[in-house]
Amino acid sequence: MTTYILLLNWTDQGIKTVHDSPKRLDAARKALAAMGGSFKEFYMTMGEYDMVAVCEAPDDAVAAHFVLQIGSTGNIRSRTLKAFPENAYREVVSSLG
């Protein structure tokens, strides 16, 4: 599985219905699970982003589909980062020569 970090902000629509946000998170968890992925961590944050999610998906296409699906609801905007675990980082760096 590949790890993705989602940096999320509520839209105007999303913050107006923030009380429904936990239900939307539950629905997102189910949607990603149906695609073969999972949420590993979820945080509400203070600062530039309102929320951060650490998710796993089988591949980039599944991750893209998931992000587009949750974004299409109009409640959040996202930035997605593909994350490399430490062992992959070490392999990449050691391959530099």
PDB file of N, CA and C in Angstrom:
ATOM      1  N   MET A   1       0.841  -1.189   0.000  1.00  0.00           N
ATOM      2  CA  MET A   1       0.000   0.000   0.000  1.00  0.00           C
ATOM      3  C   MET A   1       0.880   1.244   0.000  1.00  0.00           C
ATOM      4  N   THR A   2       0.392   2.245  -0.668  1.00  0.00           N
ATOM      5  CA  THR A   2       1.084   3.527  -0.710  1.00  0.00           C
ATOM      6  C   THR A   2       0.423   4.474   0.278  1.00  0.00           C
ATOM      7  N   THR A   3       1.235   5.283   0.939  1.00  0.00           N
ATOM      8  CA  THR A   3       0.734   6.242   1.922  1.00  0.00           C
ATOM      9  C   THR A   3       0.574   7.609   1.271  1.00  0.00           C
ATOM     10  N   TYR A   4      -0.512   8.273   1.623  1.00  0.00           N
ATOM     11  CA  TYR A   4      -0.813   9.619   1.131  1.00  0.00           C
ATOM     12  C   TYR A   4      -1.170  10.494   2.322  1.00  0.00           C
ATOM     13  N   ILE A   5      -0.694  11.713   2.299  1.00  0.00           N
ATOM     14  CA  ILE A   5      -1.045  12.692   3.325  1.00  0.00           C
ATOM     15  C   ILE A   5      -1.965  13.707   2.671  1.00  0.00           C
ATOM     16  N   LEU A   6      -3.153  13.856   3.224  1.00  0.00           N
ATOM     17  CA  LEU A   6      -4.142  14.791   2.695  1.00  0.00           C
ATOM     18  C   LEU A   6      -4.199  16.009   3.604  1.00  0.00           C
ATOM     19  N   LEU A   7      -3.947  17.174   3.038  1.00  0.00           N
ATOM     20  CA  LEU A   7      -4.055  18.444   3.744  1.00  0.00           C
ATOM     21  C   LEU A   7      -5.391  19.052   3.334  1.00  0.00           C
ATOM     22  N   LEU A   8      -6.271  19.244   4.299  1.00  0.00           N
ATOM     23  CA  LEU A   8      -7.665  19.563   3.995  1.00  0.00           C
ATOM     24  C   LEU A   8      -8.099  20.887   4.609  1.00  0.00           C
ATOM     25  N   ASN A   9      -8.900  21.617   3.865  1.00  0.00           N
ATOM     26  CA  ASN A   9      -9.546  22.830   4.352  1.00  0.00           C
ATOM     27  C   ASN A   9     -11.028  22.771   4.058  1.00  0.00           C
ATOM     28  N   TRP A  10     -11.832  23.242   5.013  1.00  0.00           N
ATOM     29  CA  TRP A  10     -13.257  23.362   4.764  1.00  0.00           C
ATOM     30  C   TRP A  10     -13.497  24.481   3.769  1.00  0.00           C
ATOM     31  N   THR A  11     -14.438  24.284   2.880  1.00  0.00           N
ATOM     32  CA  THR A  11     -14.911  25.354   2.005  1.00  0.00           C
ATOM     33  C   THR A  11     -15.933  26.167   2.800  1.00  0.00           C
ATOM     34  N   ASP A  12     -16.445  27.240   2.214  1.00  0.00           N
ATOM     35  CA  ASP A  12     -17.511  28.005   2.874  1.00  0.00           C
ATOM     36  C   ASP A  12     -18.698  27.094   3.160  1.00  0.00           C
ATOM     37  N   GLN A  13     -19.049  26.257   2.197  1.00  0.00           N
ATOM     38  CA  GLN A  13     -20.158  25.312   2.378  1.00  0.00           C
ATOM     39  C   GLN A  13     -19.858  24.332   3.511  1.00  0.00           C
ATOM     40  N   GLY A  14     -18.628  23.818   3.555  1.00  0.00           N
ATOM     41  CA  GLY A  14     -18.254  22.838   4.562  1.00  0.00           C
ATOM     42  C   GLY A  14     -18.270  23.385   5.976  1.00  0.00           C
ATOM     43  N   ILE A  15     -17.822  24.630   6.143  1.00  0.00           N
ATOM     44  CA  ILE A  15     -17.792  25.206   7.494  1.00  0.00           C
ATOM     45  C   ILE A  15     -19.193  25.590   7.951  1.00  0.00           C
ATOM     46  N   LYS A  16     -20.069  25.936   7.011  1.00  0.00           N
ATOM     47  CA  LYS A  16     -21.459  26.252   7.388  1.00  0.00           C
ATOM     48  C   LYS A  16     -22.169  25.031   7.955  1.00  0.00           C
ATOM     49  N   THR A  17     -21.743  23.854   7.541  1.00  0.00           N
ATOM     50  CA  THR A  17     -22.357  22.613   8.022  1.00  0.00           C
ATOM     51  C   THR A  17     -21.330  21.770   8.779  1.00  0.00           C
ATOM     52  N   VAL A  18     -20.460  22.441   9.525  1.00  0.00           N
ATOM     53  CA  VAL A  18     -19.366  21.759  10.221  1.00  0.00           C
ATOM     54  C   VAL A  18     -19.890  20.713  11.201  1.00  0.00           C
ATOM     55  N   HIS A  19     -21.078  20.906  11.730  1.00  0.00           N
ATOM     56  CA  HIS A  19     -21.629  19.914  12.661  1.00  0.00           C
ATOM     57  C   HIS A  19     -21.854  18.561  11.988  1.00  0.00           C
ATOM     58  N   ASP A  20     -21.942  18.546  10.657  1.00  0.00           N
ATOM     59  CA  ASP A  20     -22.084  17.296   9.910  1.00  0.00           C
ATOM     60  C   ASP A  20     -20.733  16.684   9.529  1.00  0.00           C
ATOM     61  N   SER A  21     -19.656  17.383   9.837  1.00  0.00           N
ATOM     62  CA  SER A  21     -18.329  16.940   9.425  1.00  0.00           C
ATOM     63  C   SER A  21     -17.963  15.543   9.935  1.00  0.00           C
ATOM     64  N   PRO A  22     -18.249  15.182  11.187  1.00  0.00           N
ATOM     65  CA  PRO A  22     -17.920  13.810  11.615  1.00  0.00           C
ATOM     66  C   PRO A  22     -18.640  12.741  10.786  1.00  0.00           C
ATOM     67  N   LYS A  23     -19.869  13.010  10.391  1.00  0.00           N
ATOM     68  CA  LYS A  23     -20.595  12.056   9.544  1.00  0.00           C
ATOM     69  C   LYS A  23     -19.940  11.963   8.172  1.00  0.00           C
ATOM     70  N   ARG A  24     -19.470  13.098   7.662  1.00  0.00           N
ATOM     71  CA  ARG A  24     -18.789  13.085   6.367  1.00  0.00           C
ATOM     72  C   ARG A  24     -17.469  12.324   6.458  1.00  0.00           C
ATOM     73  N   LEU A  25     -16.771  12.456   7.579  1.00  0.00           N
ATOM     74  CA  LEU A  25     -15.532  11.697   7.779  1.00  0.00           C
ATOM     75  C   LEU A  25     -15.827  10.203   7.797  1.00  0.00           C
ATOM     76  N   ASP A  26     -16.879   9.807   8.495  1.00  0.00           N
ATOM     77  CA  ASP A  26     -17.259   8.395   8.531  1.00  0.00           C
ATOM     78  C   ASP A  26     -17.568   7.869   7.132  1.00  0.00           C
ATOM     79  N   ALA A  27     -18.268   8.676   6.344  1.00  0.00           N
ATOM     80  CA  ALA A  27     -18.602   8.278   4.968  1.00  0.00           C
ATOM     81  C   ALA A  27     -17.339   8.177   4.118  1.00  0.00           C
ATOM     82  N   ALA A  28     -16.394   9.095   4.322  1.00  0.00           N
ATOM     83  CA  ALA A  28     -15.128   9.055   3.575  1.00  0.00           C
ATOM     84  C   ALA A  28     -14.335   7.799   3.932  1.00  0.00           C
ATOM     85  N   ARG A  29     -14.318   7.445   5.207  1.00  0.00           N
ATOM     86  CA  ARG A  29     -13.625   6.214   5.638  1.00  0.00           C
ATOM     87  C   ARG A  29     -14.209   4.996   4.921  1.00  0.00           C
ATOM     88  N   LYS A  30     -15.543   4.927   4.872  1.00  0.00           N
ATOM     89  CA  LYS A  30     -16.210   3.801   4.217  1.00  0.00           C
ATOM     90  C   LYS A  30     -15.914   3.781   2.722  1.00  0.00           C
ATOM     91  N   ALA A  31     -15.925   4.964   2.106  1.00  0.00           N
ATOM     92  CA  ALA A  31     -15.662   5.045   0.664  1.00  0.00           C
ATOM     93  C   ALA A  31     -14.249   4.576   0.345  1.00  0.00           C
ATOM     94  N   LEU A  32     -13.279   5.030   1.125  1.00  0.00           N
ATOM     95  CA  LEU A  32     -11.901   4.617   0.871  1.00  0.00           C
ATOM     96  C   LEU A  32     -11.729   3.119   1.132  1.00  0.00           C
ATOM     97  N   ALA A  33     -12.362   2.609   2.168  1.00  0.00           N
ATOM     98  CA  ALA A  33     -12.286   1.165   2.450  1.00  0.00           C
ATOM     99  C   ALA A  33     -12.864   0.354   1.295  1.00  0.00           C
ATOM    100  N   ALA A  34     -13.952   0.833   0.698  1.00  0.00           N
ATOM    101  CA  ALA A  34     -14.566   0.140  -0.439  1.00  0.00           C
ATOM    102  C   ALA A  34     -13.636   0.114  -1.647  1.00  0.00           C
ATOM    103  N   MET A  35     -12.685   1.063  -1.707  1.00  0.00           N
ATOM    104  CA  MET A  35     -11.712   1.116  -2.797  1.00  0.00           C
ATOM    105  C   MET A  35     -10.444   0.339  -2.460  1.00  0.00           C
ATOM    106  N   GLY A  36     -10.413  -0.268  -1.285  1.00  0.00           N
ATOM    107  CA  GLY A  36      -9.244  -1.048  -0.888  1.00  0.00           C
ATOM    108  C   GLY A  36      -8.234  -0.284  -0.059  1.00  0.00           C
ATOM    109  N   GLY A  37      -8.574   0.915   0.375  1.00  0.00           N
ATOM    110  CA  GLY A  37      -7.659   1.732   1.168  1.00  0.00           C
ATOM    111  C   GLY A  37      -8.136   1.890   2.593  1.00  0.00           C
ATOM    112  N   SER A  38      -7.448   2.763   3.335  1.00  0.00           N
ATOM    113  CA  SER A  38      -7.853   3.005   4.720  1.00  0.00           C
ATOM    114  C   SER A  38      -7.270   4.316   5.230  1.00  0.00           C
ATOM    115  N   PHE A  39      -7.923   4.847   6.253  1.00  0.00           N
ATOM    116  CA  PHE A  39      -7.403   5.986   7.007  1.00  0.00           C
ATOM    117  C   PHE A  39      -6.506   5.419   8.095  1.00  0.00           C
ATOM    118  N   LYS A  40      -5.300   5.923   8.209  1.00  0.00           N
ATOM    119  CA  LYS A  40      -4.390   5.500   9.275  1.00  0.00           C
ATOM    120  C   LYS A  40      -4.434   6.489  10.437  1.00  0.00           C
ATOM    121  N   GLU A  41      -4.550   7.773  10.126  1.00  0.00           N
ATOM    122  CA  GLU A  41      -4.601   8.828  11.142  1.00  0.00           C
ATOM    123  C   GLU A  41      -5.491   9.949  10.616  1.00  0.00           C
ATOM    124  N   PHE A  42      -6.117  10.661  11.535  1.00  0.00           N
ATOM    125  CA  PHE A  42      -6.892  11.836  11.170  1.00  0.00           C
ATOM    126  C   PHE A  42      -6.747  12.850  12.291  1.00  0.00           C
ATOM    127  N   TYR A  43      -6.512  14.112  11.910  1.00  0.00           N
ATOM    128  CA  TYR A  43      -6.348  15.182  12.888  1.00  0.00           C
ATOM    129  C   TYR A  43      -7.105  16.423  12.441  1.00  0.00           C
ATOM    130  N   MET A  44      -7.773  17.087  13.370  1.00  0.00           N
ATOM    131  CA  MET A  44      -8.207  18.458  13.146  1.00  0.00           C
ATOM    132  C   MET A  44      -7.014  19.304  13.584  1.00  0.00           C
ATOM    133  N   THR A  45      -6.647  20.296  12.793  1.00  0.00           N
ATOM    134  CA  THR A  45      -5.445  21.064  13.066  1.00  0.00           C
ATOM    135  C   THR A  45      -5.747  22.550  13.116  1.00  0.00           C
ATOM    136  N   MET A  46      -4.819  23.288  13.686  1.00  0.00           N
ATOM    137  CA  MET A  46      -4.894  24.741  13.705  1.00  0.00           C
ATOM    138  C   MET A  46      -3.742  25.247  12.844  1.00  0.00           C
ATOM    139  N   GLY A  47      -4.001  26.269  12.077  1.00  0.00           N
ATOM    140  CA  GLY A  47      -2.970  26.801  11.206  1.00  0.00           C
ATOM    141  C   GLY A  47      -3.476  26.865   9.781  1.00  0.00           C
ATOM    142  N   GLU A  48      -2.586  26.616   8.837  1.00  0.00           N
ATOM    143  CA  GLU A  48      -2.917  26.749   7.420  1.00  0.00           C
ATOM    144  C   GLU A  48      -3.975  25.749   6.959  1.00  0.00           C
ATOM    145  N   TYR A  49      -4.006  24.578   7.585  1.00  0.00           N
ATOM    146  CA  TYR A  49      -4.962  23.539   7.192  1.00  0.00           C
ATOM    147  C   TYR A  49      -5.894  23.228   8.356  1.00  0.00           C
ATOM    148  N   ASP A  50      -7.133  22.903   8.020  1.00  0.00           N
ATOM    149  CA  ASP A  50      -8.134  22.586   9.043  1.00  0.00           C
ATOM    150  C   ASP A  50      -8.039  21.149   9.521  1.00  0.00           C
ATOM    151  N   MET A  51      -7.605  20.262   8.632  1.00  0.00           N
ATOM    152  CA  MET A  51      -7.515  18.837   8.954  1.00  0.00           C
ATOM    153  C   MET A  51      -6.357  18.218   8.186  1.00  0.00           C
ATOM    154  N   VAL A  52      -5.817  17.121   8.737  1.00  0.00           N
ATOM    155  CA  VAL A  52      -4.786  16.342   8.071  1.00  0.00           C
ATOM    156  C   VAL A  52      -5.179  14.874   8.205  1.00  0.00           C
ATOM    157  N   ALA A  53      -5.143  14.153   7.103  1.00  0.00           N
ATOM    158  CA  ALA A  53      -5.429  12.720   7.121  1.00  0.00           C
ATOM    159  C   ALA A  53      -4.240  11.977   6.533  1.00  0.00           C
ATOM    160  N   VAL A  54      -3.890  10.868   7.157  1.00  0.00           N
ATOM    161  CA  VAL A  54      -2.874   9.969   6.631  1.00  0.00           C
ATOM    162  C   VAL A  54      -3.628   8.725   6.182  1.00  0.00           C
ATOM    163  N   CYS A  55      -3.570   8.471   4.883  1.00  0.00           N
ATOM    164  CA  CYS A  55      -4.342   7.375   4.296  1.00  0.00           C
ATOM    165  C   CYS A  55      -3.435   6.439   3.518  1.00  0.00           C
ATOM    166  N   GLU A  56      -3.932   5.232   3.311  1.00  0.00           N
ATOM    167  CA  GLU A  56      -3.256   4.283   2.438  1.00  0.00           C
ATOM    168  C   GLU A  56      -4.208   3.889   1.327  1.00  0.00           C
ATOM    169  N   ALA A  57      -3.659   3.706   0.134  1.00  0.00           N
ATOM    170  CA  ALA A  57      -4.436   3.265  -1.018  1.00  0.00           C
ATOM    171  C   ALA A  57      -3.572   2.317  -1.841  1.00  0.00           C
ATOM    172  N   PRO A  58      -4.217   1.433  -2.600  1.00  0.00           N
ATOM    173  CA  PRO A  58      -3.451   0.467  -3.395  1.00  0.00           C
ATOM    174  C   PRO A  58      -2.537   1.103  -4.439  1.00  0.00           C
ATOM    175  N   ASP A  59      -2.954   2.257  -4.988  1.00  0.00           N
ATOM    176  CA  ASP A  59      -2.140   2.916  -6.014  1.00  0.00           C
ATOM    177  C   ASP A  59      -2.597   4.357  -6.190  1.00  0.00           C
ATOM    178  N   ASP A  60      -1.876   5.085  -7.049  1.00  0.00           N
ATOM    179  CA  ASP A  60      -2.174   6.496  -7.274  1.00  0.00           C
ATOM    180  C   ASP A  60      -3.557   6.712  -7.879  1.00  0.00           C
ATOM    181  N   ALA A  61      -3.990   5.811  -8.742  1.00  0.00           N
ATOM    182  CA  ALA A  61      -5.306   5.962  -9.379  1.00  0.00           C
ATOM    183  C   ALA A  61      -6.418   5.882  -8.337  1.00  0.00           C
ATOM    184  N   VAL A  62      -6.303   4.967  -7.401  1.00  0.00           N
ATOM    185  CA  VAL A  62      -7.309   4.854  -6.336  1.00  0.00           C
ATOM    186  C   VAL A  62      -7.288   6.106  -5.464  1.00  0.00           C
ATOM    187  N   ALA A  63      -6.097   6.569  -5.117  1.00  0.00           N
ATOM    188  CA  ALA A  63      -5.985   7.773  -4.306  1.00  0.00           C
ATOM    189  C   ALA A  63      -6.602   8.974  -5.025  1.00  0.00           C
ATOM    190  N   ALA A  64      -6.329   9.112  -6.294  1.00  0.00           N
ATOM    191  CA  ALA A  64      -6.891  10.223  -7.070  1.00  0.00           C
ATOM    192  C   ALA A  64      -8.414  10.135  -7.132  1.00  0.00           C
ATOM    193  N   HIS A  65      -8.923   8.935  -7.376  1.00  0.00           N
ATOM    194  CA  HIS A  65     -10.369   8.734  -7.420  1.00  0.00           C
ATOM    195  C   HIS A  65     -10.998   9.134  -6.085  1.00  0.00           C
ATOM    196  N   PHE A  66     -10.397   8.698  -4.994  1.00  0.00           N
ATOM    197  CA  PHE A  66     -10.919   9.021  -3.665  1.00  0.00           C
ATOM    198  C   PHE A  66     -10.919  10.525  -3.412  1.00  0.00           C
ATOM    199  N   VAL A  67      -9.812  11.180  -3.702  1.00  0.00           N
ATOM    200  CA  VAL A  67      -9.715  12.626  -3.457  1.00  0.00           C
ATOM    201  C   VAL A  67     -10.709  13.393  -4.317  1.00  0.00           C
ATOM    202  N   LEU A  68     -10.870  12.981  -5.568  1.00  0.00           N
ATOM    203  CA  LEU A  68     -11.857  13.635  -6.425  1.00  0.00           C
ATOM    204  C   LEU A  68     -13.276  13.396  -5.918  1.00  0.00           C
ATOM    205  N   GLN A  69     -13.525  12.199  -5.445  1.00  0.00           N
ATOM    206  CA  GLN A  69     -14.861  11.881  -4.937  1.00  0.00           C
ATOM    207  C   GLN A  69     -15.211  12.726  -3.718  1.00  0.00           C
ATOM    208  N   ILE A  70     -14.299  12.803  -2.747  1.00  0.00           N
ATOM    209  CA  ILE A  70     -14.632  13.585  -1.560  1.00  0.00           C
ATOM    210  C   ILE A  70     -14.636  15.085  -1.858  1.00  0.00           C
ATOM    211  N   GLY A  71     -13.794  15.513  -2.785  1.00  0.00           N
ATOM    212  CA  GLY A  71     -13.780  16.931  -3.157  1.00  0.00           C
ATOM    213  C   GLY A  71     -15.035  17.363  -3.886  1.00  0.00           C
ATOM    214  N   SER A  72     -15.641  16.438  -4.622  1.00  0.00           N
ATOM    215  CA  SER A  72     -16.824  16.773  -5.417  1.00  0.00           C
ATOM    216  C   SER A  72     -18.046  17.083  -4.558  1.00  0.00           C
ATOM    217  N   THR A  73     -17.980  16.787  -3.267  1.00  0.00           N
ATOM    218  CA  THR A  73     -19.100  17.120  -2.390  1.00  0.00           C
ATOM    219  C   THR A  73     -19.175  18.620  -2.124  1.00  0.00           C
ATOM    220  N   GLY A  74     -18.065  19.311  -2.346  1.00  0.00           N
ATOM    221  CA  GLY A  74     -18.044  20.755  -2.159  1.00  0.00           C
ATOM    222  C   GLY A  74     -17.773  21.202  -0.735  1.00  0.00           C
ATOM    223  N   ASN A  75     -17.469  20.272   0.166  1.00  0.00           N
ATOM    224  CA  ASN A  75     -17.263  20.631   1.565  1.00  0.00           C
ATOM    225  C   ASN A  75     -15.806  20.855   1.939  1.00  0.00           C
ATOM    226  N   ILE A  76     -14.878  20.326   1.135  1.00  0.00           N
ATOM    227  CA  ILE A  76     -13.452  20.480   1.428  1.00  0.00           C
ATOM    228  C   ILE A  76     -12.664  20.742   0.156  1.00  0.00           C
ATOM    229  N   ARG A  77     -11.496  21.321   0.362  1.00  0.00           N
ATOM    230  CA  ARG A  77     -10.473  21.407  -0.675  1.00  0.00           C
ATOM    231  C   ARG A  77      -9.268  20.658  -0.133  1.00  0.00           C
ATOM    232  N   SER A  78      -8.536  20.025  -1.017  1.00  0.00           N
ATOM    233  CA  SER A  78      -7.433  19.197  -0.526  1.00  0.00           C
ATOM    234  C   SER A  78      -6.157  19.405  -1.321  1.00  0.00           C
ATOM    235  N   ARG A  79      -5.070  19.071  -0.668  1.00  0.00           N
ATOM    236  CA  ARG A  79      -3.755  18.921  -1.290  1.00  0.00           C
ATOM    237  C   ARG A  79      -3.286  17.538  -0.879  1.00  0.00           C
ATOM    238  N   THR A  80      -2.809  16.786  -1.834  1.00  0.00           N
ATOM    239  CA  THR A  80      -2.419  15.413  -1.557  1.00  0.00           C
ATOM    240  C   THR A  80      -0.924  15.242  -1.771  1.00  0.00           C
ATOM    241  N   LEU A  81      -0.288  14.630  -0.788  1.00  0.00           N
ATOM    242  CA  LEU A  81       1.141  14.351  -0.854  1.00  0.00           C
ATOM    243  C   LEU A  81       1.337  12.840  -0.854  1.00  0.00           C
ATOM    244  N   LYS A  82       2.134  12.349  -1.775  1.00  0.00           N
ATOM    245  CA  LYS A  82       2.506  10.939  -1.752  1.00  0.00           C
ATOM    246  C   LYS A  82       3.679  10.819  -0.796  1.00  0.00           C
ATOM    247  N   ALA A  83       3.561   9.923   0.174  1.00  0.00           N
ATOM    248  CA  ALA A  83       4.575   9.811   1.215  1.00  0.00           C
ATOM    249  C   ALA A  83       5.423   8.561   1.014  1.00  0.00           C
ATOM    250  N   PHE A  84       6.712   8.707   1.229  1.00  0.00           N
ATOM    251  CA  PHE A  84       7.651   7.598   1.140  1.00  0.00           C
ATOM    252  C   PHE A  84       8.110   7.263   2.565  1.00  0.00           C
ATOM    253  N   PRO A  85       7.931   6.026   3.007  1.00  0.00           N
ATOM    254  CA  PRO A  85       8.394   5.664   4.348  1.00  0.00           C
ATOM    255  C   PRO A  85       9.917   5.716   4.425  1.00  0.00           C
ATOM    256  N   GLU A  86      10.424   5.671   5.644  1.00  0.00           N
ATOM    257  CA  GLU A  86      11.866   5.847   5.852  1.00  0.00           C
ATOM    258  C   GLU A  86      12.701   4.866   5.045  1.00  0.00           C
ATOM    259  N   ASN A  87      12.297   3.606   4.982  1.00  0.00           N
ATOM    260  CA  ASN A  87      13.121   2.635   4.242  1.00  0.00           C
ATOM    261  C   ASN A  87      13.170   2.981   2.756  1.00  0.00           C
ATOM    262  N   ALA A  88      12.071   3.464   2.189  1.00  0.00           N
ATOM    263  CA  ALA A  88      12.084   3.874   0.782  1.00  0.00           C
ATOM    264  C   ALA A  88      12.935   5.124   0.594  1.00  0.00           C
ATOM    265  N   TYR A  89      12.849   6.043   1.523  1.00  0.00           N
ATOM    266  CA  TYR A  89      13.685   7.248   1.502  1.00  0.00           C
ATOM    267  C   TYR A  89      15.157   6.866   1.481  1.00  0.00           C
ATOM    268  N   ARG A  90      15.533   5.942   2.357  1.00  0.00           N
ATOM    269  CA  ARG A  90      16.940   5.522   2.434  1.00  0.00           C
ATOM    270  C   ARG A  90      17.387   4.853   1.126  1.00  0.00           C
ATOM    271  N   GLU A  91      16.512   4.055   0.521  1.00  0.00           N
ATOM    272  CA  GLU A  91      16.847   3.423  -0.757  1.00  0.00           C
ATOM    273  C   GLU A  91      17.049   4.447  -1.857  1.00  0.00           C
ATOM    274  N   VAL A  92      16.180   5.441  -1.910  1.00  0.00           N
ATOM    275  CA  VAL A  92      16.288   6.488  -2.930  1.00  0.00           C
ATOM    276  C   VAL A  92      17.595   7.255  -2.758  1.00  0.00           C
ATOM    277  N   VAL A  93      17.871   7.656  -1.533  1.00  0.00           N
ATOM    278  CA  VAL A  93      19.095   8.427  -1.284  1.00  0.00           C
ATOM    279  C   VAL A  93      20.338   7.589  -1.565  1.00  0.00           C
ATOM    280  N   SER A  94      20.329   6.321  -1.166  1.00  0.00           N
ATOM    281  CA  SER A  94      21.523   5.492  -1.391  1.00  0.00           C
ATOM    282  C   SER A  94      21.747   5.195  -2.870  1.00  0.00           C
ATOM    283  N   SER A  95      20.691   5.258  -3.653  1.00  0.00           N
ATOM    284  CA  SER A  95      20.832   5.002  -5.087  1.00  0.00           C
ATOM    285  C   SER A  95      21.477   6.178  -5.835  1.00  0.00           C
ATOM    286  N   LEU A  96      21.680   7.278  -5.146  1.00  0.00           N
ATOM    287  CA  LEU A  96      22.272   8.458  -5.790  1.00  0.00           C
ATOM    288  C   LEU A  96      23.764   8.277  -6.072  1.00  0.00           C
ATOM    289  N   GLY A  97      24.359   7.321  -5.428  1.00  0.00           N
ATOM    290  CA  GLY A  97      25.763   7.027  -5.731  1.00  0.00           C
ATOM    291  C   GLY A  97      26.715   7.328  -4.648  1.00  0.00           C
TER     292      GLY A  97
END
